[in-house]
Amino acid sequence: MARKLELFAFETPAGRRPVMDYIDAQDMHAAKLLASSLEAFCDQFPDVQTVSIKPLAGKLWEVRVKDQRGVAHRVIYAVVGGYMVLLHAFTKKTQKTPPDALRLAEKRLKAMTE
């Protein structure tokens, strides 16, 4: 039986949650698609089948979502304990994940686990 994960969004010292801000900034359809993909991941973990995911580096993975306009959205996360920790989100414009996005996600994960 699949174990359900809880969602946890990284929060800055100022109280902002960048991944949630990114989702909120999208149009209604893209925001719903992103939110439902993250929920589906949590519901299906560890046997995720309906959400496109890809390993990146170390503990970092990405959820891959393409919206109805063909825009590629990425959410970088790590599974820590019973949580899917949302670290960074961006619109993918190049074939490779931008190194700055990986560095930022690693920095946020490190800040949370220290």
PDB file of N, CA and C in Angstrom:
ATOM      1  N   MET A   1       0.836  -1.189   0.000  1.00  0.00           N
ATOM      2  CA  MET A   1       0.000   0.000   0.000  1.00  0.00           C
ATOM      3  C   MET A   1       0.877   1.247   0.000  1.00  0.00           C
ATOM      4  N   ALA A   2       0.506   2.221  -0.818  1.00  0.00           N
ATOM      5  CA  ALA A   2       1.297   3.438  -0.949  1.00  0.00           C
ATOM      6  C   ALA A   2       1.222   4.257   0.338  1.00  0.00           C
ATOM      7  N   ARG A   3       2.330   4.852   0.667  1.00  0.00           N
ATOM      8  CA  ARG A   3       2.416   5.719   1.841  1.00  0.00           C
ATOM      9  C   ARG A   3       2.183   7.142   1.396  1.00  0.00           C
ATOM     10  N   LYS A   4       1.300   7.846   2.046  1.00  0.00           N
ATOM     11  CA  LYS A   4       1.010   9.228   1.671  1.00  0.00           C
ATOM     12  C   LYS A   4       2.036  10.157   2.300  1.00  0.00           C
ATOM     13  N   LEU A   5       2.587  11.021   1.474  1.00  0.00           N
ATOM     14  CA  LEU A   5       3.488  12.064   1.955  1.00  0.00           C
ATOM     15  C   LEU A   5       2.692  13.336   2.205  1.00  0.00           C
ATOM     16  N   GLU A   6       3.205  14.168   3.058  1.00  0.00           N
ATOM     17  CA  GLU A   6       2.639  15.494   3.267  1.00  0.00           C
ATOM     18  C   GLU A   6       3.478  16.493   2.474  1.00  0.00           C
ATOM     19  N   LEU A   7       2.824  17.529   1.966  1.00  0.00           N
ATOM     20  CA  LEU A   7       3.527  18.596   1.262  1.00  0.00           C
ATOM     21  C   LEU A   7       4.065  19.599   2.256  1.00  0.00           C
ATOM     22  N   PHE A   8       5.285  20.043   2.024  1.00  0.00           N
ATOM     23  CA  PHE A   8       5.884  21.089   2.847  1.00  0.00           C
ATOM     24  C   PHE A   8       6.645  22.007   1.907  1.00  0.00           C
ATOM     25  N   ALA A   9       6.306  23.280   1.900  1.00  0.00           N
ATOM     26  CA  ALA A   9       6.975  24.245   1.025  1.00  0.00           C
ATOM     27  C   ALA A   9       8.048  24.981   1.810  1.00  0.00           C
ATOM     28  N   PHE A  10       9.253  25.052   1.234  1.00  0.00           N
ATOM     29  CA  PHE A  10      10.334  25.825   1.833  1.00  0.00           C
ATOM     30  C   PHE A  10       9.840  27.238   2.090  1.00  0.00           C
ATOM     31  N   GLU A  11      10.218  27.777   3.241  1.00  0.00           N
ATOM     32  CA  GLU A  11       9.830  29.138   3.601  1.00  0.00           C
ATOM     33  C   GLU A  11      11.081  29.957   3.897  1.00  0.00           C
ATOM     34  N   THR A  12      11.151  31.146   3.321  1.00  0.00           N
ATOM     35  CA  THR A  12      12.291  32.040   3.555  1.00  0.00           C
ATOM     36  C   THR A  12      12.206  32.614   4.963  1.00  0.00           C
ATOM     37  N   PRO A  13      13.302  33.188   5.473  1.00  0.00           N
ATOM     38  CA  PRO A  13      13.246  33.837   6.790  1.00  0.00           C
ATOM     39  C   PRO A  13      12.186  34.951   6.849  1.00  0.00           C
ATOM     40  N   ALA A  14      11.876  35.551   5.700  1.00  0.00           N
ATOM     41  CA  ALA A  14      10.869  36.616   5.658  1.00  0.00           C
ATOM     42  C   ALA A  14       9.440  36.059   5.596  1.00  0.00           C
ATOM     43  N   GLY A  15       9.306  34.723   5.541  1.00  0.00           N
ATOM     44  CA  GLY A  15       7.987  34.117   5.535  1.00  0.00           C
ATOM     45  C   GLY A  15       7.403  33.849   4.151  1.00  0.00           C
ATOM     46  N   ARG A  16       8.170  34.069   3.097  1.00  0.00           N
ATOM     47  CA  ARG A  16       7.681  33.781   1.739  1.00  0.00           C
ATOM     48  C   ARG A  16       7.875  32.305   1.433  1.00  0.00           C
ATOM     49  N   ARG A  17       6.989  31.779   0.611  1.00  0.00           N
ATOM     50  CA  ARG A  17       7.100  30.392   0.147  1.00  0.00           C
ATOM     51  C   ARG A  17       7.218  30.453  -1.376  1.00  0.00           C
ATOM     52  N   PRO A  18       8.458  30.454  -1.900  1.00  0.00           N
ATOM     53  CA  PRO A  18       8.683  30.688  -3.333  1.00  0.00           C
ATOM     54  C   PRO A  18       7.952  29.732  -4.269  1.00  0.00           C
ATOM     55  N   VAL A  19       7.854  28.463  -3.932  1.00  0.00           N
ATOM     56  CA  VAL A  19       7.167  27.525  -4.829  1.00  0.00           C
ATOM     57  C   VAL A  19       5.675  27.844  -4.873  1.00  0.00           C
ATOM     58  N   MET A  20       5.094  28.138  -3.730  1.00  0.00           N
ATOM     59  CA  MET A  20       3.673  28.476  -3.703  1.00  0.00           C
ATOM     60  C   MET A  20       3.430  29.798  -4.435  1.00  0.00           C
ATOM     61  N   ASP A  21       4.362  30.742  -4.305  1.00  0.00           N
ATOM     62  CA  ASP A  21       4.257  32.011  -5.035  1.00  0.00           C
ATOM     63  C   ASP A  21       4.292  31.758  -6.540  1.00  0.00           C
ATOM     64  N   TYR A  22       5.172  30.852  -6.969  1.00  0.00           N
ATOM     65  CA  TYR A  22       5.267  30.515  -8.392  1.00  0.00           C
ATOM     66  C   TYR A  22       3.940  29.928  -8.893  1.00  0.00           C
ATOM     67  N   ILE A  23       3.392  28.986  -8.152  1.00  0.00           N
ATOM     68  CA  ILE A  23       2.134  28.355  -8.552  1.00  0.00           C
ATOM     69  C   ILE A  23       1.018  29.398  -8.603  1.00  0.00           C
ATOM     70  N   ASP A  24       0.948  30.239  -7.588  1.00  0.00           N
ATOM     71  CA  ASP A  24      -0.098  31.273  -7.541  1.00  0.00           C
ATOM     72  C   ASP A  24       0.016  32.268  -8.694  1.00  0.00           C
ATOM     73  N   ALA A  25       1.222  32.451  -9.226  1.00  0.00           N
ATOM     74  CA  ALA A  25       1.436  33.417 -10.303  1.00  0.00           C
ATOM     75  C   ALA A  25       1.012  32.871 -11.677  1.00  0.00           C
ATOM     76  N   GLN A  26       0.724  31.582 -11.763  1.00  0.00           N
ATOM     77  CA  GLN A  26       0.343  30.973 -13.043  1.00  0.00           C
ATOM     78  C   GLN A  26      -1.138  31.211 -13.317  1.00  0.00           C
ATOM     79  N   ASP A  27      -1.529  31.006 -14.584  1.00  0.00           N
ATOM     80  CA  ASP A  27      -2.961  31.117 -14.876  1.00  0.00           C
ATOM     81  C   ASP A  27      -3.699  29.982 -14.164  1.00  0.00           C
ATOM     82  N   MET A  28      -5.014  30.105 -14.077  1.00  0.00           N
ATOM     83  CA  MET A  28      -5.828  29.174 -13.295  1.00  0.00           C
ATOM     84  C   MET A  28      -5.610  27.716 -13.706  1.00  0.00           C
ATOM     85  N   HIS A  29      -5.561  27.447 -14.999  1.00  0.00           N
ATOM     86  CA  HIS A  29      -5.420  26.064 -15.470  1.00  0.00           C
ATOM     87  C   HIS A  29      -4.053  25.484 -15.106  1.00  0.00           C
ATOM     88  N   ALA A  30      -2.994  26.252 -15.314  1.00  0.00           N
ATOM     89  CA  ALA A  30      -1.645  25.777 -14.982  1.00  0.00           C
ATOM     90  C   ALA A  30      -1.498  25.585 -13.477  1.00  0.00           C
ATOM     91  N   ALA A  31      -2.034  26.514 -12.687  1.00  0.00           N
ATOM     92  CA  ALA A  31      -1.948  26.402 -11.229  1.00  0.00           C
ATOM     93  C   ALA A  31      -2.662  25.145 -10.742  1.00  0.00           C
ATOM     94  N   LYS A  32      -3.842  24.863 -11.286  1.00  0.00           N
ATOM     95  CA  LYS A  32      -4.578  23.653 -10.901  1.00  0.00           C
ATOM     96  C   LYS A  32      -3.820  22.401 -11.298  1.00  0.00           C
ATOM     97  N   LEU A  33      -3.221  22.412 -12.486  1.00  0.00           N
ATOM     98  CA  LEU A  33      -2.453  21.266 -12.963  1.00  0.00           C
ATOM     99  C   LEU A  33      -1.235  21.013 -12.073  1.00  0.00           C
ATOM    100  N   LEU A  34      -0.528  22.074 -11.723  1.00  0.00           N
ATOM    101  CA  LEU A  34       0.629  21.934 -10.827  1.00  0.00           C
ATOM    102  C   LEU A  34       0.195  21.387  -9.470  1.00  0.00           C
ATOM    103  N   ALA A  35      -0.847  21.972  -8.897  1.00  0.00           N
ATOM    104  CA  ALA A  35      -1.312  21.535  -7.579  1.00  0.00           C
ATOM    105  C   ALA A  35      -1.782  20.083  -7.610  1.00  0.00           C
ATOM    106  N   SER A  36      -2.518  19.706  -8.640  1.00  0.00           N
ATOM    107  CA  SER A  36      -3.018  18.319  -8.706  1.00  0.00           C
ATOM    108  C   SER A  36      -1.868  17.336  -8.935  1.00  0.00           C
ATOM    109  N   SER A  37      -0.843  17.736  -9.669  1.00  0.00           N
ATOM    110  CA  SER A  37       0.324  16.862  -9.874  1.00  0.00           C
ATOM    111  C   SER A  37       1.065  16.631  -8.560  1.00  0.00           C
ATOM    112  N   LEU A  38       1.231  17.674  -7.763  1.00  0.00           N
ATOM    113  CA  LEU A  38       1.913  17.530  -6.478  1.00  0.00           C
ATOM    114  C   LEU A  38       1.103  16.660  -5.523  1.00  0.00           C
ATOM    115  N   GLU A  39      -0.204  16.850  -5.506  1.00  0.00           N
ATOM    116  CA  GLU A  39      -1.069  16.020  -4.658  1.00  0.00           C
ATOM    117  C   GLU A  39      -1.032  14.554  -5.107  1.00  0.00           C
ATOM    118  N   ALA A  40      -1.071  14.326  -6.413  1.00  0.00           N
ATOM    119  CA  ALA A  40      -1.014  12.957  -6.935  1.00  0.00           C
ATOM    120  C   ALA A  40       0.293  12.287  -6.548  1.00  0.00           C
ATOM    121  N   PHE A  41       1.393  13.033  -6.623  1.00  0.00           N
ATOM    122  CA  PHE A  41       2.689  12.494  -6.214  1.00  0.00           C
ATOM    123  C   PHE A  41       2.617  12.023  -4.761  1.00  0.00           C
ATOM    124  N   CYS A  42       2.111  12.887  -3.893  1.00  0.00           N
ATOM    125  CA  CYS A  42       2.028  12.546  -2.469  1.00  0.00           C
ATOM    126  C   CYS A  42       1.123  11.349  -2.226  1.00  0.00           C
ATOM    127  N   ASP A  43       0.009  11.274  -2.946  1.00  0.00           N
ATOM    128  CA  ASP A  43      -0.923  10.168  -2.777  1.00  0.00           C
ATOM    129  C   ASP A  43      -0.346   8.843  -3.257  1.00  0.00           C
ATOM    130  N   GLN A  44       0.491   8.873  -4.295  1.00  0.00           N
ATOM    131  CA  GLN A  44       1.003   7.645  -4.905  1.00  0.00           C
ATOM    132  C   GLN A  44       2.374   7.216  -4.371  1.00  0.00           C
ATOM    133  N   PHE A  45       3.083   8.079  -3.677  1.00  0.00           N
ATOM    134  CA  PHE A  45       4.438   7.766  -3.227  1.00  0.00           C
ATOM    135  C   PHE A  45       4.458   6.473  -2.431  1.00  0.00           C
ATOM    136  N   PRO A  46       5.426   5.594  -2.633  1.00  0.00           N
ATOM    137  CA  PRO A  46       6.606   5.712  -3.481  1.00  0.00           C
ATOM    138  C   PRO A  46       6.427   5.178  -4.907  1.00  0.00           C
ATOM    139  N   ASP A  47       5.252   4.667  -5.206  1.00  0.00           N
ATOM    140  CA  ASP A  47       5.010   4.097  -6.543  1.00  0.00           C
ATOM    141  C   ASP A  47       4.298   5.108  -7.438  1.00  0.00           C
ATOM    142  N   VAL A  48       4.970   6.210  -7.714  1.00  0.00           N
ATOM    143  CA  VAL A  48       4.378   7.301  -8.500  1.00  0.00           C
ATOM    144  C   VAL A  48       4.312   6.881  -9.968  1.00  0.00           C
ATOM    145  N   GLN A  49       3.088   6.909 -10.526  1.00  0.00           N
ATOM    146  CA  GLN A  49       2.922   6.478 -11.909  1.00  0.00           C
ATOM    147  C   GLN A  49       2.270   7.516 -12.803  1.00  0.00           C
ATOM    148  N   THR A  50       1.497   8.429 -12.244  1.00  0.00           N
ATOM    149  CA  THR A  50       0.767   9.374 -13.095  1.00  0.00           C
ATOM    150  C   THR A  50       1.408  10.751 -13.159  1.00  0.00           C
ATOM    151  N   VAL A  51       2.538  10.926 -12.493  1.00  0.00           N
ATOM    152  CA  VAL A  51       3.234  12.206 -12.481  1.00  0.00           C
ATOM    153  C   VAL A  51       4.624  11.985 -13.062  1.00  0.00           C
ATOM    154  N   SER A  52       5.042  12.869 -13.962  1.00  0.00           N
ATOM    155  CA  SER A  52       6.373  12.759 -14.543  1.00  0.00           C
ATOM    156  C   SER A  52       7.396  13.334 -13.571  1.00  0.00           C
ATOM    157  N   ILE A  53       8.336  12.478 -13.143  1.00  0.00           N
ATOM    158  CA  ILE A  53       9.398  12.909 -12.233  1.00  0.00           C
ATOM    159  C   ILE A  53      10.744  12.513 -12.816  1.00  0.00           C
ATOM    160  N   LYS A  54      11.787  13.215 -12.366  1.00  0.00           N
ATOM    161  CA  LYS A  54      13.124  12.933 -12.872  1.00  0.00           C
ATOM    162  C   LYS A  54      14.141  13.221 -11.769  1.00  0.00           C
ATOM    163  N   PRO A  55      15.106  12.299 -11.556  1.00  0.00           N
ATOM    164  CA  PRO A  55      16.164  12.586 -10.586  1.00  0.00           C
ATOM    165  C   PRO A  55      17.099  13.662 -11.138  1.00  0.00           C
ATOM    166  N   LEU A  56      17.574  14.529 -10.258  1.00  0.00           N
ATOM    167  CA  LEU A  56      18.484  15.601 -10.686  1.00  0.00           C
ATOM    168  C   LEU A  56      19.888  15.382 -10.135  1.00  0.00           C
ATOM    169  N   ALA A  57      20.050  15.594  -8.832  1.00  0.00           N
ATOM    170  CA  ALA A  57      21.362  15.442  -8.204  1.00  0.00           C
ATOM    171  C   ALA A  57      21.159  15.195  -6.717  1.00  0.00           C
ATOM    172  N   GLY A  58      21.884  14.229  -6.172  1.00  0.00           N
ATOM    173  CA  GLY A  58      21.759  13.940  -4.747  1.00  0.00           C
ATOM    174  C   GLY A  58      20.325  13.600  -4.392  1.00  0.00           C
ATOM    175  N   LYS A  59      19.765  14.329  -3.443  1.00  0.00           N
ATOM    176  CA  LYS A  59      18.388  14.098  -2.995  1.00  0.00           C
ATOM    177  C   LYS A  59      17.368  14.865  -3.823  1.00  0.00           C
ATOM    178  N   LEU A  60      17.834  15.659  -4.785  1.00  0.00           N
ATOM    179  CA  LEU A  60      16.931  16.514  -5.548  1.00  0.00           C
ATOM    180  C   LEU A  60      16.309  15.789  -6.736  1.00  0.00           C
ATOM    181  N   TRP A  61      15.008  15.990  -6.884  1.00  0.00           N
ATOM    182  CA  TRP A  61      14.220  15.466  -7.990  1.00  0.00           C
ATOM    183  C   TRP A  61      13.376  16.599  -8.535  1.00  0.00           C
ATOM    184  N   GLU A  62      12.774  16.376  -9.705  1.00  0.00           N
ATOM    185  CA  GLU A  62      11.858  17.382 -10.215  1.00  0.00           C
ATOM    186  C   GLU A  62      10.560  16.737 -10.679  1.00  0.00           C
ATOM    187  N   VAL A  63       9.479  17.466 -10.441  1.00  0.00           N
ATOM    188  CA  VAL A  63       8.180  17.140 -11.014  1.00  0.00           C
ATOM    189  C   VAL A  63       8.110  17.920 -12.309  1.00  0.00           C
ATOM    190  N   ARG A  64       7.702  17.238 -13.374  1.00  0.00           N
ATOM    191  CA  ARG A  64       7.649  17.849 -14.707  1.00  0.00           C
ATOM    192  C   ARG A  64       6.188  17.965 -15.142  1.00  0.00           C
ATOM    193  N   VAL A  65       5.760  19.201 -15.397  1.00  0.00           N
ATOM    194  CA  VAL A  65       4.371  19.451 -15.784  1.00  0.00           C
ATOM    195  C   VAL A  65       4.367  20.333 -17.016  1.00  0.00           C
ATOM    196  N   LYS A  66       3.621  19.920 -18.025  1.00  0.00           N
ATOM    197  CA  LYS A  66       3.427  20.751 -19.210  1.00  0.00           C
ATOM    198  C   LYS A  66       1.964  21.160 -19.234  1.00  0.00           C
ATOM    199  N   ASP A  67       1.719  22.474 -19.275  1.00  0.00           N
ATOM    200  CA  ASP A  67       0.333  22.939 -19.225  1.00  0.00           C
ATOM    201  C   ASP A  67      -0.323  22.925 -20.608  1.00  0.00           C
ATOM    202  N   GLN A  68      -1.563  23.371 -20.672  1.00  0.00           N
ATOM    203  CA  GLN A  68      -2.341  23.309 -21.908  1.00  0.00           C
ATOM    204  C   GLN A  68      -1.764  24.185 -23.013  1.00  0.00           C
ATOM    205  N   ARG A  69      -0.945  25.161 -22.669  1.00  0.00           N
ATOM    206  CA  ARG A  69      -0.306  26.013 -23.675  1.00  0.00           C
ATOM    207  C   ARG A  69       1.038  25.450 -24.128  1.00  0.00           C
ATOM    208  N   GLY A  70       1.467  24.348 -23.516  1.00  0.00           N
ATOM    209  CA  GLY A  70       2.753  23.753 -23.851  1.00  0.00           C
ATOM    210  C   GLY A  70       3.909  24.287 -23.025  1.00  0.00           C
ATOM    211  N   VAL A  71       3.610  25.097 -21.998  1.00  0.00           N
ATOM    212  CA  VAL A  71       4.646  25.655 -21.134  1.00  0.00           C
ATOM    213  C   VAL A  71       5.120  24.564 -20.173  1.00  0.00           C
ATOM    214  N   ALA A  72       6.440  24.398 -20.093  1.00  0.00           N
ATOM    215  CA  ALA A  72       7.027  23.374 -19.233  1.00  0.00           C
ATOM    216  C   ALA A  72       7.348  23.970 -17.864  1.00  0.00           C
ATOM    217  N   HIS A  73       6.685  23.461 -16.832  1.00  0.00           N
ATOM    218  CA  HIS A  73       6.906  23.900 -15.461  1.00  0.00           C
ATOM    219  C   HIS A  73       7.707  22.816 -14.735  1.00  0.00           C
ATOM    220  N   ARG A  74       8.590  23.243 -13.852  1.00  0.00           N
ATOM    221  CA  ARG A  74       9.367  22.306 -13.052  1.00  0.00           C
ATOM    222  C   ARG A  74       9.299  22.708 -11.590  1.00  0.00           C
ATOM    223  N   VAL A  75       9.123  21.701 -10.727  1.00  0.00           N
ATOM    224  CA  VAL A  75       9.174  21.909  -9.285  1.00  0.00           C
ATOM    225  C   VAL A  75      10.269  20.988  -8.754  1.00  0.00           C
ATOM    226  N   ILE A  76      11.299  21.587  -8.182  1.00  0.00           N
ATOM    227  CA  ILE A  76      12.379  20.803  -7.593  1.00  0.00           C
ATOM    228  C   ILE A  76      12.017  20.513  -6.140  1.00  0.00           C
ATOM    229  N   TYR A  77      12.175  19.250  -5.759  1.00  0.00           N
ATOM    230  CA  TYR A  77      11.787  18.815  -4.420  1.00  0.00           C
ATOM    231  C   TYR A  77      12.766  17.769  -3.901  1.00  0.00           C
ATOM    232  N   ALA A  78      12.627  17.475  -2.613  1.00  0.00           N
ATOM    233  CA  ALA A  78      13.329  16.362  -1.977  1.00  0.00           C
ATOM    234  C   ALA A  78      12.328  15.687  -1.053  1.00  0.00           C
ATOM    235  N   VAL A  79      12.457  14.385  -0.897  1.00  0.00           N
ATOM    236  CA  VAL A  79      11.629  13.672   0.070  1.00  0.00           C
ATOM    237  C   VAL A  79      12.458  13.563   1.344  1.00  0.00           C
ATOM    238  N   VAL A  80      11.936  14.155   2.404  1.00  0.00           N
ATOM    239  CA  VAL A  80      12.616  14.162   3.700  1.00  0.00           C
ATOM    240  C   VAL A  80      11.623  13.650   4.731  1.00  0.00           C
ATOM    241  N   GLY A  81      11.944  12.496   5.308  1.00  0.00           N
ATOM    242  CA  GLY A  81      11.012  11.897   6.257  1.00  0.00           C
ATOM    243  C   GLY A  81       9.703  11.614   5.544  1.00  0.00           C
ATOM    244  N   GLY A  82       8.610  12.054   6.100  1.00  0.00           N
ATOM    245  CA  GLY A  82       7.301  11.843   5.501  1.00  0.00           C
ATOM    246  C   GLY A  82       6.815  13.041   4.717  1.00  0.00           C
ATOM    247  N   TYR A  83       7.749  13.854   4.217  1.00  0.00           N
ATOM    248  CA  TYR A  83       7.375  15.086   3.525  1.00  0.00           C
ATOM    249  C   TYR A  83       7.959  15.178   2.121  1.00  0.00           C
ATOM    250  N   MET A  84       7.160  15.722   1.222  1.00  0.00           N
ATOM    251  CA  MET A  84       7.649  16.160  -0.085  1.00  0.00           C
ATOM    252  C   MET A  84       7.969  17.640   0.110  1.00  0.00           C
ATOM    253  N   VAL A  85       9.251  17.968   0.171  1.00  0.00           N
ATOM    254  CA  VAL A  85       9.680  19.330   0.453  1.00  0.00           C
ATOM    255  C   VAL A  85       9.878  20.071  -0.865  1.00  0.00           C
ATOM    256  N   LEU A  86       9.027  21.064  -1.108  1.00  0.00           N
ATOM    257  CA  LEU A  86       9.077  21.860  -2.337  1.00  0.00           C
ATOM    258  C   LEU A  86      10.129  22.947  -2.166  1.00  0.00           C
ATOM    259  N   LEU A  87      11.164  22.908  -2.999  1.00  0.00           N
ATOM    260  CA  LEU A  87      12.312  23.790  -2.815  1.00  0.00           C
ATOM    261  C   LEU A  87      12.378  24.938  -3.817  1.00  0.00           C
ATOM    262  N   HIS A  88      12.024  24.677  -5.069  1.00  0.00           N
ATOM    263  CA  HIS A  88      12.148  25.711  -6.101  1.00  0.00           C
ATOM    264  C   HIS A  88      11.237  25.343  -7.263  1.00  0.00           C
ATOM    265  N   ALA A  89      10.721  26.354  -7.948  1.00  0.00           N
ATOM    266  CA  ALA A  89       9.885  26.126  -9.133  1.00  0.00           C
ATOM    267  C   ALA A  89      10.254  27.164 -10.184  1.00  0.00           C
ATOM    268  N   PHE A  90      10.158  26.744 -11.445  1.00  0.00           N
ATOM    269  CA  PHE A  90      10.498  27.648 -12.535  1.00  0.00           C
ATOM    270  C   PHE A  90       9.876  27.148 -13.828  1.00  0.00           C
ATOM    271  N   THR A  91       9.865  28.034 -14.817  1.00  0.00           N
ATOM    272  CA  THR A  91       9.420  27.684 -16.156  1.00  0.00           C
ATOM    273  C   THR A  91      10.649  27.259 -16.933  1.00  0.00           C
ATOM    274  N   LYS A  92      10.605  26.064 -17.473  1.00  0.00           N
ATOM    275  CA  LYS A  92      11.765  25.516 -18.182  1.00  0.00           C
ATOM    276  C   LYS A  92      11.813  26.069 -19.602  1.00  0.00           C
ATOM    277  N   LYS A  93      12.949  26.671 -19.940  1.00  0.00           N
ATOM    278  CA  LYS A  93      13.101  27.286 -21.260  1.00  0.00           C
ATOM    279  C   LYS A  93      14.252  26.683 -22.054  1.00  0.00           C
ATOM    280  N   THR A  94      15.077  25.867 -21.392  1.00  0.00           N
ATOM    281  CA  THR A  94      16.209  25.221 -22.059  1.00  0.00           C
ATOM    282  C   THR A  94      16.124  23.722 -21.810  1.00  0.00           C
ATOM    283  N   GLN A  95      16.917  22.967 -22.563  1.00  0.00           N
ATOM    284  CA  GLN A  95      16.877  21.511 -22.428  1.00  0.00           C
ATOM    285  C   GLN A  95      17.388  21.053 -21.068  1.00  0.00           C
ATOM    286  N   LYS A  96      18.447  21.673 -20.568  1.00  0.00           N
ATOM    287  CA  LYS A  96      19.023  21.278 -19.283  1.00  0.00           C
ATOM    288  C   LYS A  96      18.453  22.132 -18.158  1.00  0.00           C
ATOM    289  N   THR A  97      18.385  21.532 -16.979  1.00  0.00           N
ATOM    290  CA  THR A  97      17.970  22.294 -15.809  1.00  0.00           C
ATOM    291  C   THR A  97      19.045  23.332 -15.520  1.00  0.00           C
ATOM    292  N   PRO A  98      18.668  24.597 -15.365  1.00  0.00           N
ATOM    293  CA  PRO A  98      19.664  25.636 -15.108  1.00  0.00           C
ATOM    294  C   PRO A  98      20.464  25.345 -13.829  1.00  0.00           C
ATOM    295  N   PRO A  99      21.803  25.461 -13.899  1.00  0.00           N
ATOM    296  CA  PRO A  99      22.631  25.204 -12.710  1.00  0.00           C
ATOM    297  C   PRO A  99      22.247  26.086 -11.523  1.00  0.00           C
ATOM    298  N   ASP A 100      21.834  27.324 -11.791  1.00  0.00           N
ATOM    299  CA  ASP A 100      21.430  28.211 -10.694  1.00  0.00           C
ATOM    300  C   ASP A 100      20.215  27.660  -9.956  1.00  0.00           C
ATOM    301  N   ALA A 101      19.299  27.027 -10.668  1.00  0.00           N
ATOM    302  CA  ALA A 101      18.110  26.443 -10.051  1.00  0.00           C
ATOM    303  C   ALA A 101      18.505  25.298  -9.124  1.00  0.00           C
ATOM    304  N   LEU A 102      19.445  24.480  -9.570  1.00  0.00           N
ATOM    305  CA  LEU A 102      19.918  23.372  -8.724  1.00  0.00           C
ATOM    306  C   LEU A 102      20.636  23.893  -7.490  1.00  0.00           C
ATOM    307  N   ARG A 103      21.505  24.886  -7.673  1.00  0.00           N
ATOM    308  CA  ARG A 103      22.237  25.449  -6.535  1.00  0.00           C
ATOM    309  C   ARG A 103      21.276  26.048  -5.501  1.00  0.00           C
ATOM    310  N   LEU A 104      20.264  26.763  -5.981  1.00  0.00           N
ATOM    311  CA  LEU A 104      19.304  27.367  -5.076  1.00  0.00           C
ATOM    312  C   LEU A 104      18.527  26.299  -4.309  1.00  0.00           C
ATOM    313  N   ALA A 105      18.090  25.256  -4.992  1.00  0.00           N
ATOM    314  CA  ALA A 105      17.362  24.173  -4.327  1.00  0.00           C
ATOM    315  C   ALA A 105      18.253  23.480  -3.296  1.00  0.00           C
ATOM    316  N   GLU A 106      19.511  23.226  -3.647  1.00  0.00           N
ATOM    317  CA  GLU A 106      20.446  22.598  -2.698  1.00  0.00           C
ATOM    318  C   GLU A 106      20.658  23.480  -1.477  1.00  0.00           C
ATOM    319  N   LYS A 107      20.796  24.781  -1.705  1.00  0.00           N
ATOM    320  CA  LYS A 107      20.986  25.730  -0.610  1.00  0.00           C
ATOM    321  C   LYS A 107      19.771  25.729   0.312  1.00  0.00           C
ATOM    322  N   ARG A 108      18.576  25.721  -0.258  1.00  0.00           N
ATOM    323  CA  ARG A 108      17.352  25.713   0.550  1.00  0.00           C
ATOM    324  C   ARG A 108      17.212  24.411   1.342  1.00  0.00           C
ATOM    325  N   LEU A 109      17.541  23.283   0.697  1.00  0.00           N
ATOM    326  CA  LEU A 109      17.464  21.997   1.397  1.00  0.00           C
ATOM    327  C   LEU A 109      18.452  21.974   2.557  1.00  0.00           C
ATOM    328  N   LYS A 110      19.653  22.450   2.324  1.00  0.00           N
ATOM    329  CA  LYS A 110      20.677  22.477   3.369  1.00  0.00           C
ATOM    330  C   LYS A 110      20.221  23.367   4.537  1.00  0.00           C
ATOM    331  N   ALA A 111      19.637  24.515   4.231  1.00  0.00           N
ATOM    332  CA  ALA A 111      19.157  25.427   5.277  1.00  0.00           C
ATOM    333  C   ALA A 111      18.085  24.764   6.131  1.00  0.00           C
ATOM    334  N   MET A 112      17.278  23.917   5.518  1.00  0.00           N
ATOM    335  CA  MET A 112      16.190  23.265   6.250  1.00  0.00           C
ATOM    336  C   MET A 112      16.671  22.116   7.116  1.00  0.00           C
ATOM    337  N   THR A 113      17.768  21.485   6.721  1.00  0.00           N
ATOM    338  CA  THR A 113      18.201  20.276   7.429  1.00  0.00           C
ATOM    339  C   THR A 113      19.343  20.537   8.391  1.00  0.00           C
ATOM    340  N   GLU A 114      19.753  21.789   8.527  1.00  0.00           N
ATOM    341  CA  GLU A 114      20.832  22.094   9.480  1.00  0.00           C
ATOM    342  C   GLU A 114      20.298  22.260  10.869  1.00  0.00           C
TER     343      GLU A 114
END
